[in-house]
Every structure is written in structure tokens, then in C-alpha cells.
Amino acid sequence: EELLEILSRIDPDVLLDFRKASPKSPATDRLPFVIWSR
């Protein structure tokens, strides 16, 4: 849960990269758990 929080909130580059790669995904302020679980 710490790693997911860091990737979602502390490191904005990761979430920005996800939004660019998935522009049609619903707007979210956290990295979807399914992305990390894969």
C-alpha cells in the first residue's frame, strides 16, 4: 500500500504517464490497482 501511494501521489510522473497512455480511461487521481497488480 505504501508503494501504490507513492506511485499515485508522491511521484506525479507515473500517473501522468498512465493518463497519456490511457486517455479514454475514467479520470482518476490514483494509479488503478489493476495496473500495479499486473
All heavy atoms as atom14 arrays in JSON, in Angstrom:
{
  "sequence": "EELLEILSRIDPDVLLDFRKASPKSPATDRLPFVIWSR",
  "atom14_mask": [
    [1, 1, 1, 1, 1, 1, 1, 1, 1, 0, 0, 0, 0, 0],
    [1, 1, 1, 1, 1, 1, 1, 1, 1, 0, 0, 0, 0, 0],
    [1, 1, 1, 1, 1, 1, 1, 1, 0, 0, 0, 0, 0, 0],
    [1, 1, 1, 1, 1, 1, 1, 1, 0, 0, 0, 0, 0, 0],
    [1, 1, 1, 1, 1, 1, 1, 1, 1, 0, 0, 0, 0, 0],
    [1, 1, 1, 1, 1, 1, 1, 1, 0, 0, 0, 0, 0, 0],
    [1, 1, 1, 1, 1, 1, 1, 1, 0, 0, 0, 0, 0, 0],
    [1, 1, 1, 1, 1, 1, 0, 0, 0, 0, 0, 0, 0, 0],
    [1, 1, 1, 1, 1, 1, 1, 1, 1, 1, 1, 0, 0, 0],
    [1, 1, 1, 1, 1, 1, 1, 1, 0, 0, 0, 0, 0, 0],
    [1, 1, 1, 1, 1, 1, 1, 1, 0, 0, 0, 0, 0, 0],
    [1, 1, 1, 1, 1, 1, 1, 0, 0, 0, 0, 0, 0, 0],
    [1, 1, 1, 1, 1, 1, 1, 1, 0, 0, 0, 0, 0, 0],
    [1, 1, 1, 1, 1, 1, 1, 0, 0, 0, 0, 0, 0, 0],
    [1, 1, 1, 1, 1, 1, 1, 1, 0, 0, 0, 0, 0, 0],
    [1, 1, 1, 1, 1, 1, 1, 1, 0, 0, 0, 0, 0, 0],
    [1, 1, 1, 1, 1, 1, 1, 1, 0, 0, 0, 0, 0, 0],
    [1, 1, 1, 1, 1, 1, 1, 1, 1, 1, 1, 0, 0, 0],
    [1, 1, 1, 1, 1, 1, 1, 1, 1, 1, 1, 0, 0, 0],
    [1, 1, 1, 1, 1, 1, 1, 1, 1, 0, 0, 0, 0, 0],
    [1, 1, 1, 1, 1, 0, 0, 0, 0, 0, 0, 0, 0, 0],
    [1, 1, 1, 1, 1, 1, 0, 0, 0, 0, 0, 0, 0, 0],
    [1, 1, 1, 1, 1, 1, 1, 0, 0, 0, 0, 0, 0, 0],
    [1, 1, 1, 1, 1, 1, 1, 1, 1, 0, 0, 0, 0, 0],
    [1, 1, 1, 1, 1, 1, 0, 0, 0, 0, 0, 0, 0, 0],
    [1, 1, 1, 1, 1, 1, 1, 0, 0, 0, 0, 0, 0, 0],
    [1, 1, 1, 1, 1, 0, 0, 0, 0, 0, 0, 0, 0, 0],
    [1, 1, 1, 1, 1, 1, 1, 0, 0, 0, 0, 0, 0, 0],
    [1, 1, 1, 1, 1, 1, 1, 1, 0, 0, 0, 0, 0, 0],
    [1, 1, 1, 1, 1, 1, 1, 1, 1, 1, 1, 0, 0, 0],
    [1, 1, 1, 1, 1, 1, 1, 1, 0, 0, 0, 0, 0, 0],
    [1, 1, 1, 1, 1, 1, 1, 0, 0, 0, 0, 0, 0, 0],
    [1, 1, 1, 1, 1, 1, 1, 1, 1, 1, 1, 0, 0, 0],
    [1, 1, 1, 1, 1, 1, 1, 0, 0, 0, 0, 0, 0, 0],
    [1, 1, 1, 1, 1, 1, 1, 1, 0, 0, 0, 0, 0, 0],
    [1, 1, 1, 1, 1, 1, 1, 1, 1, 1, 1, 1, 1, 1],
    [1, 1, 1, 1, 1, 1, 0, 0, 0, 0, 0, 0, 0, 0],
    [1, 1, 1, 1, 1, 1, 1, 1, 1, 1, 1, 0, 0, 0]
  ],
  "atom14_positions": [
    [[0.83, -1.2, 0.0], [0.0, 0.0, 0.0], [0.87, 1.26, 0.0], [0.48, 2.29, -0.56], [-0.96, 0.01, 1.18], [-0.33, -0.08, 2.56], [-0.15, -1.53, 3.03], [-0.14, -2.43, 2.17], [-0.01, -1.73, 4.25], [0.0, 0.0, 0.0], [0.0, 0.0, 0.0], [0.0, 0.0, 0.0], [0.0, 0.0, 0.0], [0.0, 0.0, 0.0]],
    [[2.06, 1.2, 0.63], [2.98, 2.34, 0.59], [3.45, 2.59, -0.84], [3.45, 3.74, -1.31], [4.2, 2.06, 1.47], [3.91, 2.08, 2.96], [5.13, 1.72, 3.79], [6.1, 1.15, 3.23], [5.13, 1.99, 5.0], [0.0, 0.0, 0.0], [0.0, 0.0, 0.0], [0.0, 0.0, 0.0], [0.0, 0.0, 0.0], [0.0, 0.0, 0.0]],
    [[3.84, 1.53, -1.53], [4.34, 1.69, -2.89], [3.27, 2.24, -3.82], [3.54, 3.13, -4.63], [4.85, 0.33, -3.4], [5.49, 0.34, -4.79], [6.62, 1.35, -4.88], [5.99, -1.06, -5.15], [0.0, 0.0, 0.0], [0.0, 0.0, 0.0], [0.0, 0.0, 0.0], [0.0, 0.0, 0.0], [0.0, 0.0, 0.0], [0.0, 0.0, 0.0]],
    [[2.04, 1.75, -3.67], [0.95, 2.25, -4.52], [0.66, 3.71, -4.23], [0.39, 4.51, -5.15], [-0.29, 1.39, -4.31], [-1.41, 1.55, -5.33], [-0.9, 1.26, -6.74], [-2.58, 0.64, -5.01], [0.0, 0.0, 0.0], [0.0, 0.0, 0.0], [0.0, 0.0, 0.0], [0.0, 0.0, 0.0], [0.0, 0.0, 0.0], [0.0, 0.0, 0.0]],
    [[0.74, 4.12, -2.96], [0.52, 5.52, -2.59], [1.62, 6.41, -3.18], [1.35, 7.5, -3.68], [0.49, 5.65, -1.07], [0.29, 7.05, -0.54], [-1.15, 7.53, -0.68], [-2.03, 6.71, -1.01], [-1.39, 8.73, -0.46], [0.0, 0.0, 0.0], [0.0, 0.0, 0.0], [0.0, 0.0, 0.0], [0.0, 0.0, 0.0], [0.0, 0.0, 0.0]],
    [[2.85, 5.94, -3.13], [3.97, 6.72, -3.68], [3.82, 6.88, -5.18], [3.99, 7.97, -5.74], [5.31, 6.04, -3.32], [5.55, 6.11, -1.8], [6.46, 6.7, -4.07], [6.65, 5.18, -1.32], [0.0, 0.0, 0.0], [0.0, 0.0, 0.0], [0.0, 0.0, 0.0], [0.0, 0.0, 0.0], [0.0, 0.0, 0.0], [0.0, 0.0, 0.0]],
    [[3.49, 5.79, -5.87], [3.34, 5.83, -7.32], [2.15, 6.68, -7.74], [2.15, 7.27, -8.82], [3.18, 4.41, -7.87], [4.39, 3.48, -7.71], [4.03, 2.06, -8.14], [5.58, 3.99, -8.51], [0.0, 0.0, 0.0], [0.0, 0.0, 0.0], [0.0, 0.0, 0.0], [0.0, 0.0, 0.0], [0.0, 0.0, 0.0], [0.0, 0.0, 0.0]],
    [[1.12, 6.77, -6.89], [-0.08, 7.52, -7.23], [0.02, 9.0, -6.9], [-0.41, 9.85, -7.68], [-1.29, 6.94, -6.48], [-1.55, 5.61, -6.87], [0.0, 0.0, 0.0], [0.0, 0.0, 0.0], [0.0, 0.0, 0.0], [0.0, 0.0, 0.0], [0.0, 0.0, 0.0], [0.0, 0.0, 0.0], [0.0, 0.0, 0.0], [0.0, 0.0, 0.0]],
    [[0.63, 9.33, -5.75], [0.52, 10.7, -5.24], [1.86, 11.42, -5.13], [1.96, 12.6, -5.45], [-0.16, 10.66, -3.87], [-0.49, 12.02, -3.28], [-1.32, 11.87, -2.03], [-0.66, 11.04, -1.03], [0.27, 11.5, -0.19], [0.66, 12.76, -0.25], [0.82, 10.68, 0.7], [0.0, 0.0, 0.0], [0.0, 0.0, 0.0], [0.0, 0.0, 0.0]],
    [[2.88, 10.71, -4.69], [4.17, 11.35, -4.44], [4.96, 11.54, -5.73], [5.68, 12.51, -5.89], [4.99, 10.54, -3.42], [4.21, 10.4, -2.11], [6.35, 11.18, -3.16], [3.9, 11.71, -1.42], [0.0, 0.0, 0.0], [0.0, 0.0, 0.0], [0.0, 0.0, 0.0], [0.0, 0.0, 0.0], [0.0, 0.0, 0.0], [0.0, 0.0, 0.0]],
    [[4.82, 10.6, -6.66], [5.54, 10.67, -7.92], [4.54, 11.0, -9.04], [3.94, 10.09, -9.63], [6.24, 9.34, -8.2], [7.22, 9.43, -9.36], [7.03, 10.31, -10.22], [8.16, 8.63, -9.41], [0.0, 0.0, 0.0], [0.0, 0.0, 0.0], [0.0, 0.0, 0.0], [0.0, 0.0, 0.0], [0.0, 0.0, 0.0], [0.0, 0.0, 0.0]],
    [[4.35, 12.26, -9.38], [3.32, 12.63, -10.37], [3.63, 12.11, -11.77], [2.73, 11.97, -12.6], [3.33, 14.16, -10.33], [4.69, 14.53, -9.82], [5.08, 13.44, -8.87], [0.0, 0.0, 0.0], [0.0, 0.0, 0.0], [0.0, 0.0, 0.0], [0.0, 0.0, 0.0], [0.0, 0.0, 0.0], [0.0, 0.0, 0.0], [0.0, 0.0, 0.0]],
    [[4.9, 11.82, -12.06], [5.27, 11.36, -13.4], [4.58, 10.05, -13.76], [4.23, 9.82, -14.91], [6.78, 11.19, -13.5], [7.53, 12.5, -13.34], [6.89, 13.56, -13.49], [8.74, 12.47, -13.06], [0.0, 0.0, 0.0], [0.0, 0.0, 0.0], [0.0, 0.0, 0.0], [0.0, 0.0, 0.0], [0.0, 0.0, 0.0], [0.0, 0.0, 0.0]],
    [[4.42, 9.16, -12.78], [3.84, 7.85, -13.06], [2.37, 7.99, -13.46], [1.92, 7.39, -14.45], [3.99, 6.91, -11.83], [3.29, 5.58, -12.09], [5.46, 6.68, -11.52], [0.0, 0.0, 0.0], [0.0, 0.0, 0.0], [0.0, 0.0, 0.0], [0.0, 0.0, 0.0], [0.0, 0.0, 0.0], [0.0, 0.0, 0.0], [0.0, 0.0, 0.0]],
    [[1.61, 8.75, -12.69], [0.19, 8.94, -13.0], [0.0, 9.69, -14.32], [-0.89, 9.36, -15.12], [-0.5, 9.68, -11.86], [-2.03, 9.64, -11.86], [-2.55, 8.21, -11.87], [-2.58, 10.39, -10.65], [0.0, 0.0, 0.0], [0.0, 0.0, 0.0], [0.0, 0.0, 0.0], [0.0, 0.0, 0.0], [0.0, 0.0, 0.0], [0.0, 0.0, 0.0]],
    [[0.85, 10.68, -14.57], [0.78, 11.43, -15.83], [1.07, 10.5, -17.01], [0.4, 10.56, -18.05], [1.78, 12.59, -15.8], [1.82, 13.48, -17.04], [0.47, 14.16, -17.24], [2.94, 14.52, -16.92], [0.0, 0.0, 0.0], [0.0, 0.0, 0.0], [0.0, 0.0, 0.0], [0.0, 0.0, 0.0], [0.0, 0.0, 0.0], [0.0, 0.0, 0.0]],
    [[2.05, 9.63, -16.84], [2.38, 8.66, -17.89], [1.21, 7.73, -18.16], [0.91, 7.4, -19.32], [3.62, 7.87, -17.47], [4.13, 6.94, -18.54], [4.58, 7.42, -19.59], [4.05, 5.7, -18.33], [0.0, 0.0, 0.0], [0.0, 0.0, 0.0], [0.0, 0.0, 0.0], [0.0, 0.0, 0.0], [0.0, 0.0, 0.0], [0.0, 0.0, 0.0]],
    [[0.52, 7.3, -17.1], [-0.65, 6.42, -17.26], [-1.77, 7.15, -18.03], [-2.4, 6.57, -18.92], [-1.16, 5.96, -15.9], [-2.53, 5.36, -15.93], [-2.75, 4.1, -16.49], [-3.62, 6.06, -15.44], [-4.03, 3.55, -16.53], [-4.9, 5.52, -15.48], [-5.1, 4.26, -16.04], [0.0, 0.0, 0.0], [0.0, 0.0, 0.0], [0.0, 0.0, 0.0]],
    [[-2.0, 8.41, -17.69], [-3.07, 9.17, -18.35], [-2.79, 9.36, -19.83], [-3.68, 9.3, -20.68], [-3.24, 10.52, -17.66], [-3.88, 10.43, -16.28], [-3.81, 11.75, -15.55], [-4.46, 11.68, -14.25], [-4.25, 12.56, -13.27], [-3.41, 13.57, -13.47], [-4.88, 12.45, -12.13], [0.0, 0.0, 0.0], [0.0, 0.0, 0.0], [0.0, 0.0, 0.0]],
    [[-1.52, 9.58, -20.17], [-1.15, 9.73, -21.57], [-1.35, 8.43, -22.33], [-1.78, 8.41, -23.49], [0.3, 10.18, -21.68], [0.54, 11.63, -21.31], [2.01, 12.0, -21.48], [2.24, 13.48, -21.15], [3.69, 13.83, -21.3], [0.0, 0.0, 0.0], [0.0, 0.0, 0.0], [0.0, 0.0, 0.0], [0.0, 0.0, 0.0], [0.0, 0.0, 0.0]],
    [[-1.01, 7.31, -21.68], [-1.12, 6.01, -22.34], [-2.56, 5.54, -22.43], [-2.9, 4.74, -23.31], [-0.28, 4.98, -21.59], [0.0, 0.0, 0.0], [0.0, 0.0, 0.0], [0.0, 0.0, 0.0], [0.0, 0.0, 0.0], [0.0, 0.0, 0.0], [0.0, 0.0, 0.0], [0.0, 0.0, 0.0], [0.0, 0.0, 0.0], [0.0, 0.0, 0.0]],
    [[-3.42, 6.01, -21.52], [-4.83, 5.57, -21.49], [-5.75, 6.79, -21.44], [-6.43, 7.02, -20.43], [-5.07, 4.66, -20.28], [-4.15, 3.59, -20.25], [0.0, 0.0, 0.0], [0.0, 0.0, 0.0], [0.0, 0.0, 0.0], [0.0, 0.0, 0.0], [0.0, 0.0, 0.0], [0.0, 0.0, 0.0], [0.0, 0.0, 0.0], [0.0, 0.0, 0.0]],
    [[-5.8, 7.58, -22.5], [-6.57, 8.83, -22.46], [-8.07, 8.61, -22.32], [-8.79, 9.52, -21.88], [-6.23, 9.5, -23.81], [-5.8, 8.38, -24.69], [-5.13, 7.38, -23.8], [0.0, 0.0, 0.0], [0.0, 0.0, 0.0], [0.0, 0.0, 0.0], [0.0, 0.0, 0.0], [0.0, 0.0, 0.0], [0.0, 0.0, 0.0], [0.0, 0.0, 0.0]],
    [[-8.56, 7.43, -22.68], [-10.0, 7.18, -22.61], [-10.43, 6.57, -21.27], [-11.61, 6.32, -21.05], [-10.43, 6.26, -23.76], [-10.23, 6.88, -25.14], [-10.73, 5.97, -26.24], [-10.53, 6.61, -27.61], [-11.03, 5.73, -28.7], [0.0, 0.0, 0.0], [0.0, 0.0, 0.0], [0.0, 0.0, 0.0], [0.0, 0.0, 0.0], [0.0, 0.0, 0.0]],
    [[-9.46, 6.3, -20.39], [-9.81, 5.77, -19.08], [-10.49, 6.85, -18.24], [-10.22, 8.04, -18.43], [-8.56, 5.27, -18.35], [-7.99, 4.18, -19.04], [0.0, 0.0, 0.0], [0.0, 0.0, 0.0], [0.0, 0.0, 0.0], [0.0, 0.0, 0.0], [0.0, 0.0, 0.0], [0.0, 0.0, 0.0], [0.0, 0.0, 0.0], [0.0, 0.0, 0.0]],
    [[-11.37, 6.45, -17.31], [-12.02, 7.44, -16.44], [-10.98, 8.25, -15.66], [-9.93, 7.73, -15.3], [-12.86, 6.57, -15.49], [-13.06, 5.29, -16.22], [-11.84, 5.07, -17.04], [0.0, 0.0, 0.0], [0.0, 0.0, 0.0], [0.0, 0.0, 0.0], [0.0, 0.0, 0.0], [0.0, 0.0, 0.0], [0.0, 0.0, 0.0], [0.0, 0.0, 0.0]],
    [[-11.27, 9.5, -15.44], [-10.36, 10.38, -14.69], [-10.16, 9.82, -13.29], [-11.11, 9.41, -12.62], [-10.92, 11.79, -14.64], [0.0, 0.0, 0.0], [0.0, 0.0, 0.0], [0.0, 0.0, 0.0], [0.0, 0.0, 0.0], [0.0, 0.0, 0.0], [0.0, 0.0, 0.0], [0.0, 0.0, 0.0], [0.0, 0.0, 0.0], [0.0, 0.0, 0.0]],
    [[-8.91, 9.79, -12.83], [-8.62, 9.26, -11.51], [-7.39, 9.97, -10.96], [-6.52, 10.43, -11.72], [-8.36, 7.74, -11.56], [-8.01, 7.26, -10.26], [-7.23, 7.41, -12.53], [0.0, 0.0, 0.0], [0.0, 0.0, 0.0], [0.0, 0.0, 0.0], [0.0, 0.0, 0.0], [0.0, 0.0, 0.0], [0.0, 0.0, 0.0], [0.0, 0.0, 0.0]],
    [[-7.32, 10.1, -9.64], [-6.15, 10.69, -9.01], [-5.25, 9.62, -8.39], [-4.34, 9.94, -7.64], [-6.55, 11.72, -7.96], [-7.43, 11.1, -6.87], [-7.78, 9.92, -6.99], [-7.77, 11.83, -5.91], [0.0, 0.0, 0.0], [0.0, 0.0, 0.0], [0.0, 0.0, 0.0], [0.0, 0.0, 0.0], [0.0, 0.0, 0.0], [0.0, 0.0, 0.0]],
    [[-5.53, 8.37, -8.69], [-4.7, 7.27, -8.19], [-4.42, 6.3, -9.32], [-5.24, 6.1, -10.22], [-5.4, 6.51, -7.05], [-5.54, 7.3, -5.76], [-6.15, 6.45, -4.67], [-5.33, 5.3, -4.33], [-4.29, 5.36, -3.49], [-3.95, 6.5, -2.94], [-3.59, 4.27, -3.22], [0.0, 0.0, 0.0], [0.0, 0.0, 0.0], [0.0, 0.0, 0.0]],
    [[-3.27, 5.68, -9.26], [-2.95, 4.64, -10.23], [-3.88, 3.46, -9.98], [-3.96, 2.96, -8.86], [-1.49, 4.2, -10.04], [-0.95, 3.2, -11.06], [-0.74, 3.89, -12.4], [0.37, 2.6, -10.57], [0.0, 0.0, 0.0], [0.0, 0.0, 0.0], [0.0, 0.0, 0.0], [0.0, 0.0, 0.0], [0.0, 0.0, 0.0], [0.0, 0.0, 0.0]],
    [[-4.64, 3.03, -10.99], [-5.56, 1.91, -10.77], [-4.83, 0.68, -10.24], [-3.74, 0.33, -10.72], [-6.13, 1.65, -12.18], [-6.0, 2.96, -12.87], [-4.74, 3.58, -12.34], [0.0, 0.0, 0.0], [0.0, 0.0, 0.0], [0.0, 0.0, 0.0], [0.0, 0.0, 0.0], [0.0, 0.0, 0.0], [0.0, 0.0, 0.0], [0.0, 0.0, 0.0]],
    [[-5.44, 0.03, -9.27], [-4.78, -1.1, -8.63], [-4.5, -2.22, -9.63], [-3.49, -2.93, -9.51], [-5.65, -1.64, -7.48], [-4.99, -2.76, -6.72], [-3.98, -2.48, -5.81], [-5.35, -4.08, -6.93], [-3.34, -3.51, -5.11], [-4.73, -5.1, -6.24], [-3.72, -4.82, -5.33], [0.0, 0.0, 0.0], [0.0, 0.0, 0.0], [0.0, 0.0, 0.0]],
    [[-5.35, -2.37, -10.64], [-5.16, -3.44, -11.6], [-3.86, -3.24, -12.39], [-3.21, -4.21, -12.78], [-6.37, -3.55, -12.56], [-6.48, -2.3, -13.45], [-6.29, -4.81, -13.41], [0.0, 0.0, 0.0], [0.0, 0.0, 0.0], [0.0, 0.0, 0.0], [0.0, 0.0, 0.0], [0.0, 0.0, 0.0], [0.0, 0.0, 0.0], [0.0, 0.0, 0.0]],
    [[-3.47, -1.98, -12.61], [-2.21, -1.7, -13.32], [-1.02, -2.2, -12.5], [-0.11, -2.84, -13.02], [-2.08, -0.2, -13.61], [-3.25, 0.3, -14.46], [-0.76, 0.12, -14.27], [-3.31, -0.34, -15.83], [0.0, 0.0, 0.0], [0.0, 0.0, 0.0], [0.0, 0.0, 0.0], [0.0, 0.0, 0.0], [0.0, 0.0, 0.0], [0.0, 0.0, 0.0]],
    [[-1.06, -1.88, -11.19], [0.01, -2.36, -10.31], [-0.04, -3.87, -10.15], [1.0, -4.54, -10.17], [-0.06, -1.68, -8.95], [0.63, -2.48, -7.87], [0.04, -3.1, -6.81], [2.03, -2.77, -7.77], [0.98, -3.76, -6.05], [2.22, -3.57, -6.62], [3.14, -2.44, -8.54], [3.45, -4.03, -6.22], [4.39, -2.9, -8.14], [4.54, -3.68, -7.0]],
    [[-1.21, -4.46, -9.99], [-1.32, -5.9, -9.72], [-0.79, -6.72, -10.89], [-0.2, -7.8, -10.68], [-2.76, -6.29, -9.38], [-3.62, -6.05, -10.47], [0.0, 0.0, 0.0], [0.0, 0.0, 0.0], [0.0, 0.0, 0.0], [0.0, 0.0, 0.0], [0.0, 0.0, 0.0], [0.0, 0.0, 0.0], [0.0, 0.0, 0.0], [0.0, 0.0, 0.0]],
    [[-0.98, -6.23, -12.13], [-0.42, -6.94, -13.28], [1.11, -6.93, -13.23], [1.76, -7.94, -13.47], [-0.89, -6.28, -14.58], [-2.33, -6.59, -14.98], [-2.7, -5.92, -16.3], [-1.78, -6.31, -17.36], [-0.95, -5.47, -17.99], [-0.92, -4.19, -17.66], [-0.16, -5.91, -18.95], [0.0, 0.0, 0.0], [0.0, 0.0, 0.0], [0.0, 0.0, 0.0]]
  ]
}
